[in-house]
Amino acid sequence: NSCSIIPYEPDTLCFGSLGHGITDIDTGVLMSVKWGEILDANILAIKKSENGTPGELKGIFDEDKNKFGIVDVNSIYGIYGKLYNPIIGIDMMSKRLYPIAVKNQIKEGSATILANIMGKQVNEYEIEIQKVSTRNANGSKGMVIKITDKRLLEATGGIVQGMSGSPIIQDGRIVGAITHVLVNDPTRGYGIFIECMIKKMQENSAINMRKAG
């Protein structure tokens, strides 16, 4: 995935990403993760989404270059770990940090996402938040979003595999991240609330601190 680093806690270097778990391709079961690394990636091609068939981003990892941190948790709310070095912001390229919005600050209407769909360039694209389900027990599907940006629709056909973790921005704040595409309408999909990811990140941070102590 070409996902960005959200959320990020500068004091501890702890981070979260992706917004949903990594599952076994055959069984759909959440995979157990002991250790992994966050690597730089270069997107080389796009397979466009069509109704009934999700597309995908195709690329390669730069395994011998930038290694940003370790991953030690794989959960239904995403992957979590710790960065090697401070000050990597919402994405690896811009190193920009954003404030966050909690559930009751999110409103239906216009918003944007940050996504890397080619090379290493992160761009901002227009979307619409169509539904906010603050009582949804499954945090990874707390929002329904629709891609409205003509540039992104032309390039990808909507949401494609590899866009999970793309930050959702509203009124200058991170409200969440893309998690799933609706197969029968790839212009639409789900998003997780950023506060769900922060809670999981803080839980992981506390566990690591106890282990270190």
N, C-alpha and C. Protein backbone atom coordinates (compact mmCIF):
# COMPACT_ATOMS: atom_id res chain seq x y z
N ASN A 1 0.82 -1.20 0.00
CA ASN A 1 0.00 0.00 0.00
C ASN A 1 0.86 1.26 0.00
N SER A 2 0.33 2.32 -0.60
CA SER A 2 1.04 3.60 -0.63
C SER A 2 0.53 4.50 0.47
N CYS A 3 0.10 3.92 1.58
CA CYS A 3 -0.56 4.69 2.63
C CYS A 3 0.41 5.61 3.35
N SER A 4 -0.15 6.60 3.99
CA SER A 4 0.63 7.58 4.73
C SER A 4 0.68 7.22 6.20
N ILE A 5 1.51 7.94 6.92
CA ILE A 5 1.65 7.72 8.36
C ILE A 5 0.63 8.58 9.10
N ILE A 6 -0.43 7.99 9.57
CA ILE A 6 -1.39 8.67 10.45
C ILE A 6 -1.93 7.64 11.42
N PRO A 7 -2.10 7.97 12.67
CA PRO A 7 -1.61 9.17 13.34
C PRO A 7 -0.14 9.01 13.72
N TYR A 8 0.43 10.10 14.25
CA TYR A 8 1.84 10.10 14.65
C TYR A 8 1.97 10.87 15.96
N GLU A 9 2.71 10.29 16.90
CA GLU A 9 2.91 10.91 18.21
C GLU A 9 4.38 11.31 18.35
N PRO A 10 4.69 12.60 18.19
CA PRO A 10 6.10 13.04 18.16
C PRO A 10 6.89 12.67 19.41
N ASP A 11 6.25 12.67 20.58
CA ASP A 11 6.99 12.42 21.82
C ASP A 11 7.51 11.00 21.92
N THR A 12 6.76 10.05 21.39
CA THR A 12 7.14 8.64 21.50
C THR A 12 7.59 8.01 20.19
N LEU A 13 7.35 8.72 19.07
CA LEU A 13 7.60 8.23 17.71
C LEU A 13 6.66 7.10 17.31
N CYS A 14 5.62 6.86 18.11
CA CYS A 14 4.65 5.83 17.76
C CYS A 14 3.76 6.31 16.61
N PHE A 15 3.31 5.36 15.79
CA PHE A 15 2.49 5.72 14.63
C PHE A 15 1.44 4.64 14.37
N GLY A 16 0.47 5.02 13.57
CA GLY A 16 -0.51 4.08 13.03
C GLY A 16 -0.64 4.30 11.54
N SER A 17 -1.11 3.29 10.82
CA SER A 17 -1.27 3.42 9.38
C SER A 17 -2.29 2.40 8.87
N LEU A 18 -2.69 2.56 7.66
CA LEU A 18 -3.56 1.65 6.89
C LEU A 18 -5.04 1.76 7.26
N GLY A 19 -5.39 1.66 8.55
CA GLY A 19 -6.79 1.81 8.94
C GLY A 19 -7.60 0.53 8.97
N HIS A 20 -7.05 -0.55 8.43
CA HIS A 20 -7.67 -1.87 8.55
C HIS A 20 -6.57 -2.91 8.67
N GLY A 21 -6.92 -4.10 9.07
CA GLY A 21 -5.91 -5.13 9.27
C GLY A 21 -5.41 -5.75 7.97
N ILE A 22 -4.24 -6.38 8.04
CA ILE A 22 -3.70 -7.17 6.94
C ILE A 22 -4.16 -8.61 7.15
N THR A 23 -4.90 -9.14 6.19
CA THR A 23 -5.49 -10.47 6.34
C THR A 23 -4.91 -11.46 5.34
N ASP A 24 -5.05 -12.73 5.66
CA ASP A 24 -4.63 -13.80 4.75
C ASP A 24 -5.48 -13.75 3.49
N ILE A 25 -4.83 -13.76 2.33
CA ILE A 25 -5.54 -13.59 1.06
C ILE A 25 -6.53 -14.72 0.79
N ASP A 26 -6.26 -15.90 1.33
CA ASP A 26 -7.13 -17.05 1.08
C ASP A 26 -8.25 -17.20 2.11
N THR A 27 -7.93 -16.96 3.37
CA THR A 27 -8.90 -17.21 4.44
C THR A 27 -9.59 -15.95 4.95
N GLY A 28 -8.97 -14.79 4.72
CA GLY A 28 -9.53 -13.55 5.25
C GLY A 28 -9.26 -13.34 6.73
N VAL A 29 -8.48 -14.23 7.33
CA VAL A 29 -8.17 -14.15 8.77
C VAL A 29 -7.05 -13.14 9.00
N LEU A 30 -7.19 -12.34 10.07
CA LEU A 30 -6.17 -11.36 10.43
C LEU A 30 -4.84 -12.06 10.70
N MET A 31 -3.79 -11.60 10.04
CA MET A 31 -2.49 -12.25 10.16
C MET A 31 -1.77 -11.82 11.43
N SER A 32 -1.06 -12.76 12.04
CA SER A 32 -0.24 -12.46 13.21
C SER A 32 1.08 -11.84 12.75
N VAL A 33 1.46 -10.74 13.39
CA VAL A 33 2.69 -10.05 13.02
C VAL A 33 3.59 -9.92 14.24
N LYS A 34 4.81 -10.45 14.13
CA LYS A 34 5.78 -10.29 15.22
C LYS A 34 6.63 -9.05 14.99
N TRP A 35 6.99 -8.81 13.73
CA TRP A 35 7.88 -7.70 13.42
C TRP A 35 7.82 -7.42 11.92
N GLY A 36 7.89 -6.16 11.56
CA GLY A 36 7.94 -5.77 10.16
C GLY A 36 8.53 -4.38 10.05
N GLU A 37 8.71 -3.90 8.82
CA GLU A 37 9.27 -2.57 8.60
C GLU A 37 8.41 -1.77 7.64
N ILE A 38 8.42 -0.45 7.84
CA ILE A 38 7.80 0.49 6.90
C ILE A 38 8.86 0.91 5.91
N LEU A 39 8.60 0.67 4.62
CA LEU A 39 9.56 0.98 3.57
C LEU A 39 9.02 2.03 2.62
N ASP A 40 9.93 2.69 1.91
CA ASP A 40 9.54 3.61 0.85
C ASP A 40 9.03 2.80 -0.34
N ALA A 41 8.09 3.37 -1.08
CA ALA A 41 7.52 2.67 -2.24
C ALA A 41 7.45 3.60 -3.43
N ASN A 42 7.51 3.03 -4.61
CA ASN A 42 7.41 3.78 -5.85
C ASN A 42 6.29 3.17 -6.69
N ILE A 43 5.21 3.94 -6.92
CA ILE A 43 4.07 3.45 -7.69
C ILE A 43 4.37 3.57 -9.18
N LEU A 44 4.24 2.46 -9.90
CA LEU A 44 4.63 2.40 -11.31
C LEU A 44 3.45 2.35 -12.27
N ALA A 45 2.30 1.82 -11.83
CA ALA A 45 1.17 1.66 -12.75
C ALA A 45 -0.13 1.59 -11.96
N ILE A 46 -1.24 1.84 -12.67
CA ILE A 46 -2.57 1.81 -12.07
C ILE A 46 -3.46 0.89 -12.89
N LYS A 47 -4.12 -0.04 -12.21
CA LYS A 47 -5.21 -0.80 -12.82
C LYS A 47 -6.50 -0.17 -12.34
N LYS A 48 -7.27 0.42 -13.26
CA LYS A 48 -8.46 1.19 -12.88
C LYS A 48 -9.56 0.29 -12.32
N SER A 49 -10.31 0.85 -11.38
CA SER A 49 -11.49 0.16 -10.85
C SER A 49 -12.64 0.25 -11.83
N GLU A 50 -13.43 -0.81 -11.89
CA GLU A 50 -14.67 -0.84 -12.64
C GLU A 50 -15.74 -1.42 -11.74
N ASN A 51 -17.00 -1.16 -12.05
CA ASN A 51 -18.08 -1.72 -11.24
C ASN A 51 -17.94 -3.23 -11.13
N GLY A 52 -17.84 -3.73 -9.91
CA GLY A 52 -17.69 -5.17 -9.68
C GLY A 52 -16.27 -5.65 -9.61
N THR A 53 -15.31 -4.82 -10.02
CA THR A 53 -13.90 -5.22 -10.03
C THR A 53 -13.02 -4.09 -9.52
N PRO A 54 -12.56 -4.20 -8.26
CA PRO A 54 -11.67 -3.16 -7.74
C PRO A 54 -10.35 -3.13 -8.49
N GLY A 55 -9.83 -1.95 -8.71
CA GLY A 55 -8.52 -1.81 -9.33
C GLY A 55 -7.42 -1.88 -8.29
N GLU A 56 -6.19 -1.55 -8.72
CA GLU A 56 -5.08 -1.60 -7.77
C GLU A 56 -3.93 -0.72 -8.25
N LEU A 57 -3.14 -0.27 -7.28
CA LEU A 57 -1.88 0.40 -7.57
C LEU A 57 -0.79 -0.66 -7.63
N LYS A 58 0.11 -0.53 -8.61
CA LYS A 58 1.21 -1.47 -8.76
C LYS A 58 2.53 -0.73 -8.61
N GLY A 59 3.40 -1.27 -7.78
CA GLY A 59 4.67 -0.59 -7.55
C GLY A 59 5.70 -1.52 -6.95
N ILE A 60 6.80 -0.91 -6.51
CA ILE A 60 7.89 -1.67 -5.91
C ILE A 60 8.33 -0.99 -4.62
N PHE A 61 8.89 -1.79 -3.71
CA PHE A 61 9.48 -1.25 -2.49
C PHE A 61 10.94 -0.90 -2.75
N ASP A 62 11.38 0.22 -2.20
CA ASP A 62 12.80 0.57 -2.23
C ASP A 62 13.46 -0.01 -0.99
N GLU A 63 13.71 -1.31 -1.02
CA GLU A 63 14.17 -2.02 0.17
C GLU A 63 15.55 -1.58 0.64
N ASP A 64 16.37 -1.09 -0.27
CA ASP A 64 17.74 -0.72 0.10
C ASP A 64 17.88 0.75 0.46
N LYS A 65 16.76 1.48 0.40
CA LYS A 65 16.83 2.92 0.68
C LYS A 65 16.14 3.23 2.00
N ASN A 66 15.13 4.09 1.96
CA ASN A 66 14.52 4.57 3.20
C ASN A 66 13.74 3.47 3.93
N LYS A 67 14.10 3.25 5.17
CA LYS A 67 13.34 2.39 6.07
C LYS A 67 12.90 3.28 7.23
N PHE A 68 11.58 3.43 7.39
CA PHE A 68 11.06 4.47 8.26
C PHE A 68 10.78 4.02 9.69
N GLY A 69 10.51 2.75 9.89
CA GLY A 69 10.18 2.31 11.24
C GLY A 69 9.77 0.86 11.28
N ILE A 70 9.47 0.38 12.49
CA ILE A 70 9.06 -1.00 12.67
C ILE A 70 7.55 -1.10 12.88
N VAL A 71 7.00 -2.24 12.51
CA VAL A 71 5.59 -2.56 12.76
C VAL A 71 5.55 -3.75 13.71
N ASP A 72 4.81 -3.61 14.81
CA ASP A 72 4.70 -4.75 15.73
C ASP A 72 3.27 -5.11 16.09
N VAL A 73 2.29 -4.42 15.50
CA VAL A 73 0.88 -4.74 15.74
C VAL A 73 0.12 -4.70 14.42
N ASN A 74 -0.67 -5.73 14.18
CA ASN A 74 -1.61 -5.78 13.05
C ASN A 74 -2.99 -6.01 13.63
N SER A 75 -3.87 -5.01 13.53
CA SER A 75 -5.20 -5.10 14.15
C SER A 75 -6.27 -4.72 13.15
N ILE A 76 -7.53 -4.87 13.53
CA ILE A 76 -8.63 -4.48 12.65
C ILE A 76 -8.65 -2.99 12.40
N TYR A 77 -7.90 -2.23 13.21
CA TYR A 77 -7.84 -0.78 13.04
C TYR A 77 -6.57 -0.32 12.34
N GLY A 78 -5.80 -1.26 11.79
CA GLY A 78 -4.60 -0.89 11.06
C GLY A 78 -3.34 -1.50 11.63
N ILE A 79 -2.20 -1.04 11.13
CA ILE A 79 -0.90 -1.49 11.61
C ILE A 79 -0.28 -0.39 12.47
N TYR A 80 0.49 -0.80 13.48
CA TYR A 80 1.03 0.15 14.44
C TYR A 80 2.46 -0.22 14.80
N GLY A 81 3.24 0.80 15.13
CA GLY A 81 4.63 0.56 15.48
C GLY A 81 5.33 1.83 15.91
N LYS A 82 6.63 1.90 15.62
CA LYS A 82 7.44 3.03 16.06
C LYS A 82 8.42 3.42 14.96
N LEU A 83 8.54 4.73 14.72
CA LEU A 83 9.45 5.23 13.70
C LEU A 83 10.89 5.22 14.22
N TYR A 84 11.83 5.11 13.29
CA TYR A 84 13.24 5.16 13.66
C TYR A 84 13.69 6.57 14.02
N ASN A 85 13.14 7.55 13.31
CA ASN A 85 13.58 8.93 13.48
C ASN A 85 12.38 9.86 13.62
N PRO A 86 12.52 10.99 14.31
CA PRO A 86 11.40 11.92 14.49
C PRO A 86 11.10 12.72 13.25
N ILE A 87 10.00 13.40 13.32
CA ILE A 87 9.49 14.31 12.35
C ILE A 87 9.34 13.73 10.97
N ILE A 88 8.49 12.75 10.92
CA ILE A 88 7.86 12.35 9.67
C ILE A 88 6.39 12.63 9.90
N GLY A 89 5.82 13.44 9.04
CA GLY A 89 4.45 13.89 9.28
C GLY A 89 3.43 12.97 8.69
N ILE A 90 2.37 13.56 8.16
CA ILE A 90 1.26 12.77 7.65
C ILE A 90 1.66 11.96 6.43
N ASP A 91 2.66 12.42 5.68
CA ASP A 91 3.18 11.59 4.60
C ASP A 91 4.70 11.74 4.56
N MET A 92 5.34 10.76 3.96
CA MET A 92 6.79 10.70 4.01
C MET A 92 7.45 11.83 3.21
N MET A 93 6.74 12.33 2.18
CA MET A 93 7.35 13.30 1.31
C MET A 93 7.29 14.72 1.87
N SER A 94 6.12 15.16 2.32
CA SER A 94 5.97 16.55 2.75
C SER A 94 6.35 16.77 4.20
N LYS A 95 6.32 15.70 5.00
CA LYS A 95 6.60 15.79 6.44
C LYS A 95 5.69 16.82 7.11
N ARG A 96 4.49 16.96 6.63
CA ARG A 96 3.56 17.94 7.18
C ARG A 96 2.70 17.29 8.27
N LEU A 97 2.49 18.04 9.35
CA LEU A 97 1.66 17.57 10.44
C LEU A 97 0.33 18.31 10.44
N TYR A 98 -0.76 17.60 10.73
CA TYR A 98 -2.10 18.17 10.78
C TYR A 98 -2.70 17.94 12.16
N PRO A 99 -3.55 18.87 12.62
CA PRO A 99 -4.36 18.58 13.81
C PRO A 99 -5.43 17.56 13.46
N ILE A 100 -6.11 17.02 14.47
CA ILE A 100 -7.14 16.02 14.22
C ILE A 100 -8.52 16.54 14.61
N ALA A 101 -9.54 15.87 14.10
CA ALA A 101 -10.93 16.14 14.49
C ALA A 101 -11.52 14.86 15.06
N VAL A 102 -12.30 14.97 16.13
CA VAL A 102 -12.97 13.81 16.71
C VAL A 102 -14.31 13.61 16.01
N LYS A 103 -14.97 12.50 16.32
CA LYS A 103 -16.19 12.11 15.61
C LYS A 103 -17.23 13.22 15.52
N ASN A 104 -17.51 13.86 16.66
CA ASN A 104 -18.60 14.84 16.67
C ASN A 104 -18.24 16.15 15.98
N GLN A 105 -17.00 16.27 15.50
CA GLN A 105 -16.60 17.44 14.73
C GLN A 105 -16.69 17.20 13.23
N ILE A 106 -16.90 15.94 12.85
CA ILE A 106 -16.96 15.59 11.43
C ILE A 106 -18.38 15.81 10.92
N LYS A 107 -18.49 16.38 9.73
CA LYS A 107 -19.81 16.63 9.17
C LYS A 107 -19.89 16.09 7.74
N GLU A 108 -21.09 15.77 7.34
CA GLU A 108 -21.30 15.34 5.96
C GLU A 108 -21.07 16.52 5.03
N GLY A 109 -20.46 16.23 3.88
CA GLY A 109 -20.17 17.30 2.93
C GLY A 109 -18.77 17.18 2.37
N SER A 110 -18.27 18.26 1.82
CA SER A 110 -17.00 18.25 1.10
C SER A 110 -15.81 18.01 2.02
N ALA A 111 -14.82 17.32 1.48
CA ALA A 111 -13.58 17.03 2.18
C ALA A 111 -12.54 16.70 1.10
N THR A 112 -11.35 16.34 1.52
CA THR A 112 -10.31 15.93 0.58
C THR A 112 -9.58 14.71 1.12
N ILE A 113 -8.84 14.05 0.25
CA ILE A 113 -7.92 13.00 0.68
C ILE A 113 -6.54 13.32 0.15
N LEU A 114 -5.53 12.79 0.81
CA LEU A 114 -4.16 12.86 0.32
C LEU A 114 -3.78 11.46 -0.15
N ALA A 115 -3.34 11.36 -1.40
CA ALA A 115 -3.05 10.03 -1.96
C ALA A 115 -1.88 10.09 -2.92
N ASN A 116 -1.10 9.03 -2.92
CA ASN A 116 -0.02 8.84 -3.88
C ASN A 116 -0.45 7.75 -4.85
N ILE A 117 -0.75 8.13 -6.08
CA ILE A 117 -1.20 7.14 -7.06
C ILE A 117 -0.19 6.92 -8.18
N MET A 118 0.91 7.68 -8.18
CA MET A 118 1.94 7.48 -9.19
C MET A 118 3.27 8.02 -8.67
N GLY A 119 4.33 7.23 -8.84
CA GLY A 119 5.64 7.65 -8.37
C GLY A 119 5.65 7.75 -6.86
N LYS A 120 6.14 8.89 -6.37
CA LYS A 120 6.18 9.14 -4.93
C LYS A 120 5.49 10.45 -4.57
N GLN A 121 4.70 10.97 -5.51
CA GLN A 121 4.07 12.27 -5.33
C GLN A 121 2.71 12.16 -4.64
N VAL A 122 2.55 12.84 -3.51
CA VAL A 122 1.27 12.88 -2.81
C VAL A 122 0.49 14.10 -3.27
N ASN A 123 -0.75 13.88 -3.71
CA ASN A 123 -1.62 14.97 -4.15
C ASN A 123 -2.91 14.97 -3.34
N GLU A 124 -3.58 16.11 -3.36
CA GLU A 124 -4.85 16.27 -2.65
C GLU A 124 -6.00 16.17 -3.65
N TYR A 125 -7.02 15.38 -3.30
CA TYR A 125 -8.16 15.16 -4.20
C TYR A 125 -9.47 15.40 -3.45
N GLU A 126 -10.46 15.90 -4.19
CA GLU A 126 -11.75 16.22 -3.59
C GLU A 126 -12.62 14.98 -3.42
N ILE A 127 -13.28 14.90 -2.26
CA ILE A 127 -14.24 13.84 -1.99
C ILE A 127 -15.46 14.43 -1.30
N GLU A 128 -16.46 13.60 -1.08
CA GLU A 128 -17.62 13.98 -0.28
C GLU A 128 -17.80 12.95 0.83
N ILE A 129 -17.94 13.42 2.05
CA ILE A 129 -18.32 12.53 3.15
C ILE A 129 -19.83 12.42 3.14
N GLN A 130 -20.34 11.23 2.78
CA GLN A 130 -21.78 11.06 2.60
C GLN A 130 -22.50 10.64 3.87
N LYS A 131 -21.79 9.96 4.77
CA LYS A 131 -22.43 9.48 5.99
C LYS A 131 -21.40 9.38 7.11
N VAL A 132 -21.78 9.82 8.30
CA VAL A 132 -20.93 9.70 9.48
C VAL A 132 -21.68 8.87 10.52
N SER A 133 -21.17 7.68 10.82
CA SER A 133 -21.84 6.75 11.75
C SER A 133 -21.06 6.72 13.06
N THR A 134 -21.33 7.67 13.94
CA THR A 134 -20.55 7.79 15.18
C THR A 134 -20.77 6.60 16.11
N ARG A 135 -21.87 5.87 15.95
CA ARG A 135 -22.15 4.73 16.82
C ARG A 135 -21.75 3.40 16.19
N ASN A 136 -21.12 3.45 15.04
CA ASN A 136 -20.72 2.22 14.35
C ASN A 136 -19.66 1.49 15.18
N ALA A 137 -19.97 0.26 15.57
CA ALA A 137 -19.04 -0.52 16.40
C ALA A 137 -17.78 -0.88 15.62
N ASN A 138 -17.91 -0.99 14.30
CA ASN A 138 -16.75 -1.28 13.45
C ASN A 138 -16.13 0.04 13.02
N GLY A 139 -15.10 0.47 13.75
CA GLY A 139 -14.51 1.78 13.50
C GLY A 139 -13.94 1.95 12.12
N SER A 140 -13.58 0.85 11.45
CA SER A 140 -13.00 0.96 10.12
C SER A 140 -14.03 1.31 9.05
N LYS A 141 -15.31 1.33 9.43
CA LYS A 141 -16.36 1.72 8.50
C LYS A 141 -17.24 2.81 9.10
N GLY A 142 -16.60 3.76 9.77
CA GLY A 142 -17.33 4.83 10.44
C GLY A 142 -17.87 5.89 9.51
N MET A 143 -17.26 6.01 8.32
CA MET A 143 -17.70 7.01 7.35
C MET A 143 -17.90 6.36 5.98
N VAL A 144 -18.88 6.87 5.25
CA VAL A 144 -19.04 6.53 3.83
C VAL A 144 -18.58 7.74 3.03
N ILE A 145 -17.65 7.52 2.10
CA ILE A 145 -17.13 8.63 1.31
C ILE A 145 -17.33 8.36 -0.18
N LYS A 146 -17.30 9.42 -0.96
CA LYS A 146 -17.42 9.31 -2.42
C LYS A 146 -16.35 10.17 -3.07
N ILE A 147 -15.62 9.59 -4.01
CA ILE A 147 -14.63 10.35 -4.77
C ILE A 147 -15.35 11.25 -5.76
N THR A 148 -15.04 12.54 -5.74
CA THR A 148 -15.67 13.49 -6.66
C THR A 148 -14.66 14.17 -7.57
N ASP A 149 -13.38 14.04 -7.29
CA ASP A 149 -12.34 14.71 -8.05
C ASP A 149 -12.19 14.07 -9.44
N LYS A 150 -12.37 14.87 -10.48
CA LYS A 150 -12.33 14.34 -11.85
C LYS A 150 -10.97 13.77 -12.20
N ARG A 151 -9.90 14.37 -11.67
CA ARG A 151 -8.55 13.87 -11.97
C ARG A 151 -8.36 12.45 -11.44
N LEU A 152 -8.83 12.23 -10.21
CA LEU A 152 -8.66 10.91 -9.60
C LEU A 152 -9.57 9.88 -10.26
N LEU A 153 -10.79 10.28 -10.58
CA LEU A 153 -11.71 9.36 -11.26
C LEU A 153 -11.17 8.95 -12.62
N GLU A 154 -10.56 9.90 -13.32
CA GLU A 154 -10.00 9.61 -14.64
C GLU A 154 -8.81 8.65 -14.53
N ALA A 155 -8.01 8.83 -13.49
CA ALA A 155 -6.79 8.04 -13.34
C ALA A 155 -7.05 6.65 -12.77
N THR A 156 -7.97 6.54 -11.81
CA THR A 156 -8.14 5.28 -11.08
C THR A 156 -9.52 4.67 -11.19
N GLY A 157 -10.52 5.45 -11.62
CA GLY A 157 -11.89 4.95 -11.63
C GLY A 157 -12.56 5.03 -10.27
N GLY A 158 -11.86 5.57 -9.29
CA GLY A 158 -12.40 5.65 -7.93
C GLY A 158 -11.36 5.20 -6.92
N ILE A 159 -11.79 4.44 -5.94
CA ILE A 159 -10.87 3.89 -4.93
C ILE A 159 -10.30 2.58 -5.45
N VAL A 160 -8.99 2.42 -5.34
CA VAL A 160 -8.34 1.18 -5.77
C VAL A 160 -7.57 0.58 -4.60
N GLN A 161 -7.27 -0.71 -4.71
CA GLN A 161 -6.45 -1.36 -3.69
C GLN A 161 -5.07 -0.70 -3.68
N GLY A 162 -4.62 -0.37 -2.50
CA GLY A 162 -3.38 0.39 -2.37
C GLY A 162 -3.62 1.80 -1.87
N MET A 163 -4.90 2.24 -1.87
CA MET A 163 -5.22 3.57 -1.36
C MET A 163 -5.65 3.55 0.10
N SER A 164 -5.75 2.37 0.69
CA SER A 164 -6.09 2.29 2.11
C SER A 164 -5.08 3.08 2.93
N GLY A 165 -5.57 3.82 3.91
CA GLY A 165 -4.70 4.65 4.72
C GLY A 165 -4.54 6.06 4.22
N SER A 166 -5.11 6.35 3.03
CA SER A 166 -5.05 7.73 2.53
C SER A 166 -5.81 8.64 3.48
N PRO A 167 -5.16 9.68 4.01
CA PRO A 167 -5.81 10.54 5.02
C PRO A 167 -7.00 11.31 4.45
N ILE A 168 -8.04 11.43 5.26
CA ILE A 168 -9.22 12.22 4.93
C ILE A 168 -9.12 13.53 5.70
N ILE A 169 -9.18 14.65 4.98
CA ILE A 169 -9.01 15.98 5.57
C ILE A 169 -10.30 16.78 5.43
N GLN A 170 -10.73 17.41 6.51
CA GLN A 170 -11.89 18.30 6.46
C GLN A 170 -11.61 19.52 7.34
N ASP A 171 -11.78 20.69 6.77
CA ASP A 171 -11.54 21.95 7.49
C ASP A 171 -10.14 22.00 8.10
N GLY A 172 -9.16 21.49 7.35
CA GLY A 172 -7.78 21.57 7.79
C GLY A 172 -7.38 20.57 8.86
N ARG A 173 -8.25 19.60 9.14
CA ARG A 173 -7.97 18.61 10.16
C ARG A 173 -8.10 17.19 9.60
N ILE A 174 -7.30 16.27 10.12
CA ILE A 174 -7.46 14.86 9.76
C ILE A 174 -8.68 14.32 10.48
N VAL A 175 -9.60 13.75 9.73
CA VAL A 175 -10.78 13.14 10.35
C VAL A 175 -10.71 11.62 10.30
N GLY A 176 -9.87 11.07 9.43
CA GLY A 176 -9.78 9.62 9.31
C GLY A 176 -8.96 9.21 8.11
N ALA A 177 -9.17 7.97 7.66
CA ALA A 177 -8.43 7.42 6.53
C ALA A 177 -9.32 6.45 5.76
N ILE A 178 -9.08 6.36 4.46
CA ILE A 178 -9.80 5.40 3.61
C ILE A 178 -9.45 3.98 4.04
N THR A 179 -10.46 3.10 4.11
CA THR A 179 -10.20 1.70 4.49
C THR A 179 -10.70 0.68 3.47
N HIS A 180 -11.85 0.92 2.86
CA HIS A 180 -12.46 -0.08 1.97
C HIS A 180 -13.09 0.60 0.76
N VAL A 181 -13.20 -0.15 -0.32
CA VAL A 181 -13.92 0.28 -1.51
C VAL A 181 -15.22 -0.52 -1.62
N LEU A 182 -16.27 0.12 -2.10
CA LEU A 182 -17.52 -0.59 -2.40
C LEU A 182 -17.38 -1.20 -3.78
N VAL A 183 -17.33 -2.53 -3.84
CA VAL A 183 -17.01 -3.23 -5.09
C VAL A 183 -17.97 -2.86 -6.21
N ASN A 184 -19.26 -2.75 -5.91
CA ASN A 184 -20.24 -2.46 -6.95
C ASN A 184 -20.29 -1.00 -7.35
N ASP A 185 -19.61 -0.13 -6.60
CA ASP A 185 -19.50 1.30 -6.94
C ASP A 185 -18.18 1.81 -6.42
N PRO A 186 -17.08 1.61 -7.18
CA PRO A 186 -15.75 1.95 -6.67
C PRO A 186 -15.50 3.44 -6.48
N THR A 187 -16.44 4.29 -6.87
CA THR A 187 -16.28 5.71 -6.54
C THR A 187 -16.58 5.95 -5.06
N ARG A 188 -17.16 4.95 -4.39
CA ARG A 188 -17.53 5.09 -2.98
C ARG A 188 -16.78 4.07 -2.13
N GLY A 189 -16.66 4.38 -0.85
CA GLY A 189 -15.98 3.47 0.06
C GLY A 189 -16.17 3.89 1.50
N TYR A 190 -15.41 3.25 2.37
CA TYR A 190 -15.52 3.52 3.81
C TYR A 190 -14.25 4.18 4.33
N GLY A 191 -14.40 4.84 5.47
CA GLY A 191 -13.26 5.42 6.16
C GLY A 191 -13.33 5.15 7.65
N ILE A 192 -12.17 5.08 8.29
CA ILE A 192 -12.08 4.91 9.74
C ILE A 192 -11.90 6.27 10.40
N PHE A 193 -12.44 6.45 11.59
CA PHE A 193 -12.23 7.68 12.35
C PHE A 193 -10.79 7.73 12.86
N ILE A 194 -10.18 8.90 12.79
CA ILE A 194 -8.81 9.04 13.27
C ILE A 194 -8.71 8.74 14.76
N GLU A 195 -9.76 9.05 15.52
CA GLU A 195 -9.68 8.82 16.96
C GLU A 195 -9.62 7.32 17.29
N CYS A 196 -10.20 6.47 16.44
CA CYS A 196 -10.08 5.02 16.64
C CYS A 196 -8.63 4.58 16.48
N MET A 197 -7.95 5.17 15.49
CA MET A 197 -6.55 4.82 15.25
C MET A 197 -5.66 5.35 16.37
N ILE A 198 -5.97 6.55 16.86
CA ILE A 198 -5.18 7.12 17.95
C ILE A 198 -5.30 6.27 19.21
N LYS A 199 -6.51 5.83 19.51
CA LYS A 199 -6.72 4.99 20.69
C LYS A 199 -5.87 3.72 20.61
N LYS A 200 -5.87 3.08 19.44
CA LYS A 200 -5.09 1.85 19.26
C LYS A 200 -3.59 2.15 19.35
N MET A 201 -3.17 3.27 18.76
CA MET A 201 -1.76 3.65 18.82
C MET A 201 -1.30 3.88 20.25
N GLN A 202 -2.14 4.56 21.03
CA GLN A 202 -1.79 4.83 22.43
C GLN A 202 -1.75 3.56 23.26
N GLU A 203 -2.66 2.62 22.96
CA GLU A 203 -2.62 1.32 23.65
C GLU A 203 -1.30 0.61 23.36
N ASN A 204 -0.89 0.62 22.11
CA ASN A 204 0.36 -0.03 21.73
C ASN A 204 1.56 0.65 22.36
N SER A 205 1.51 1.99 22.42
CA SER A 205 2.59 2.75 23.05
C SER A 205 2.73 2.39 24.53
N ALA A 206 1.59 2.27 25.22
CA ALA A 206 1.61 1.93 26.65
C ALA A 206 2.17 0.53 26.88
N ILE A 207 1.80 -0.41 26.01
CA ILE A 207 2.32 -1.79 26.13
C ILE A 207 3.83 -1.80 25.95
N ASN A 208 4.32 -1.07 24.95
CA ASN A 208 5.76 -1.04 24.69
C ASN A 208 6.53 -0.39 25.84
N MET A 209 5.92 0.63 26.46
CA MET A 209 6.57 1.29 27.59
C MET A 209 6.68 0.34 28.79
N ARG A 210 5.63 -0.46 29.00
CA ARG A 210 5.67 -1.43 30.10
C ARG A 210 6.74 -2.50 29.85
N LYS A 211 6.84 -2.93 28.59
CA LYS A 211 7.87 -3.92 28.25
C LYS A 211 9.27 -3.35 28.47
N ALA A 212 9.44 -2.08 28.10
CA ALA A 212 10.75 -1.44 28.24
C ALA A 212 11.11 -1.22 29.70
N GLY A 213 10.05 -1.01 30.54
CA GLY A 213 10.28 -0.76 31.96
C GLY A 213 10.58 -2.02 32.71
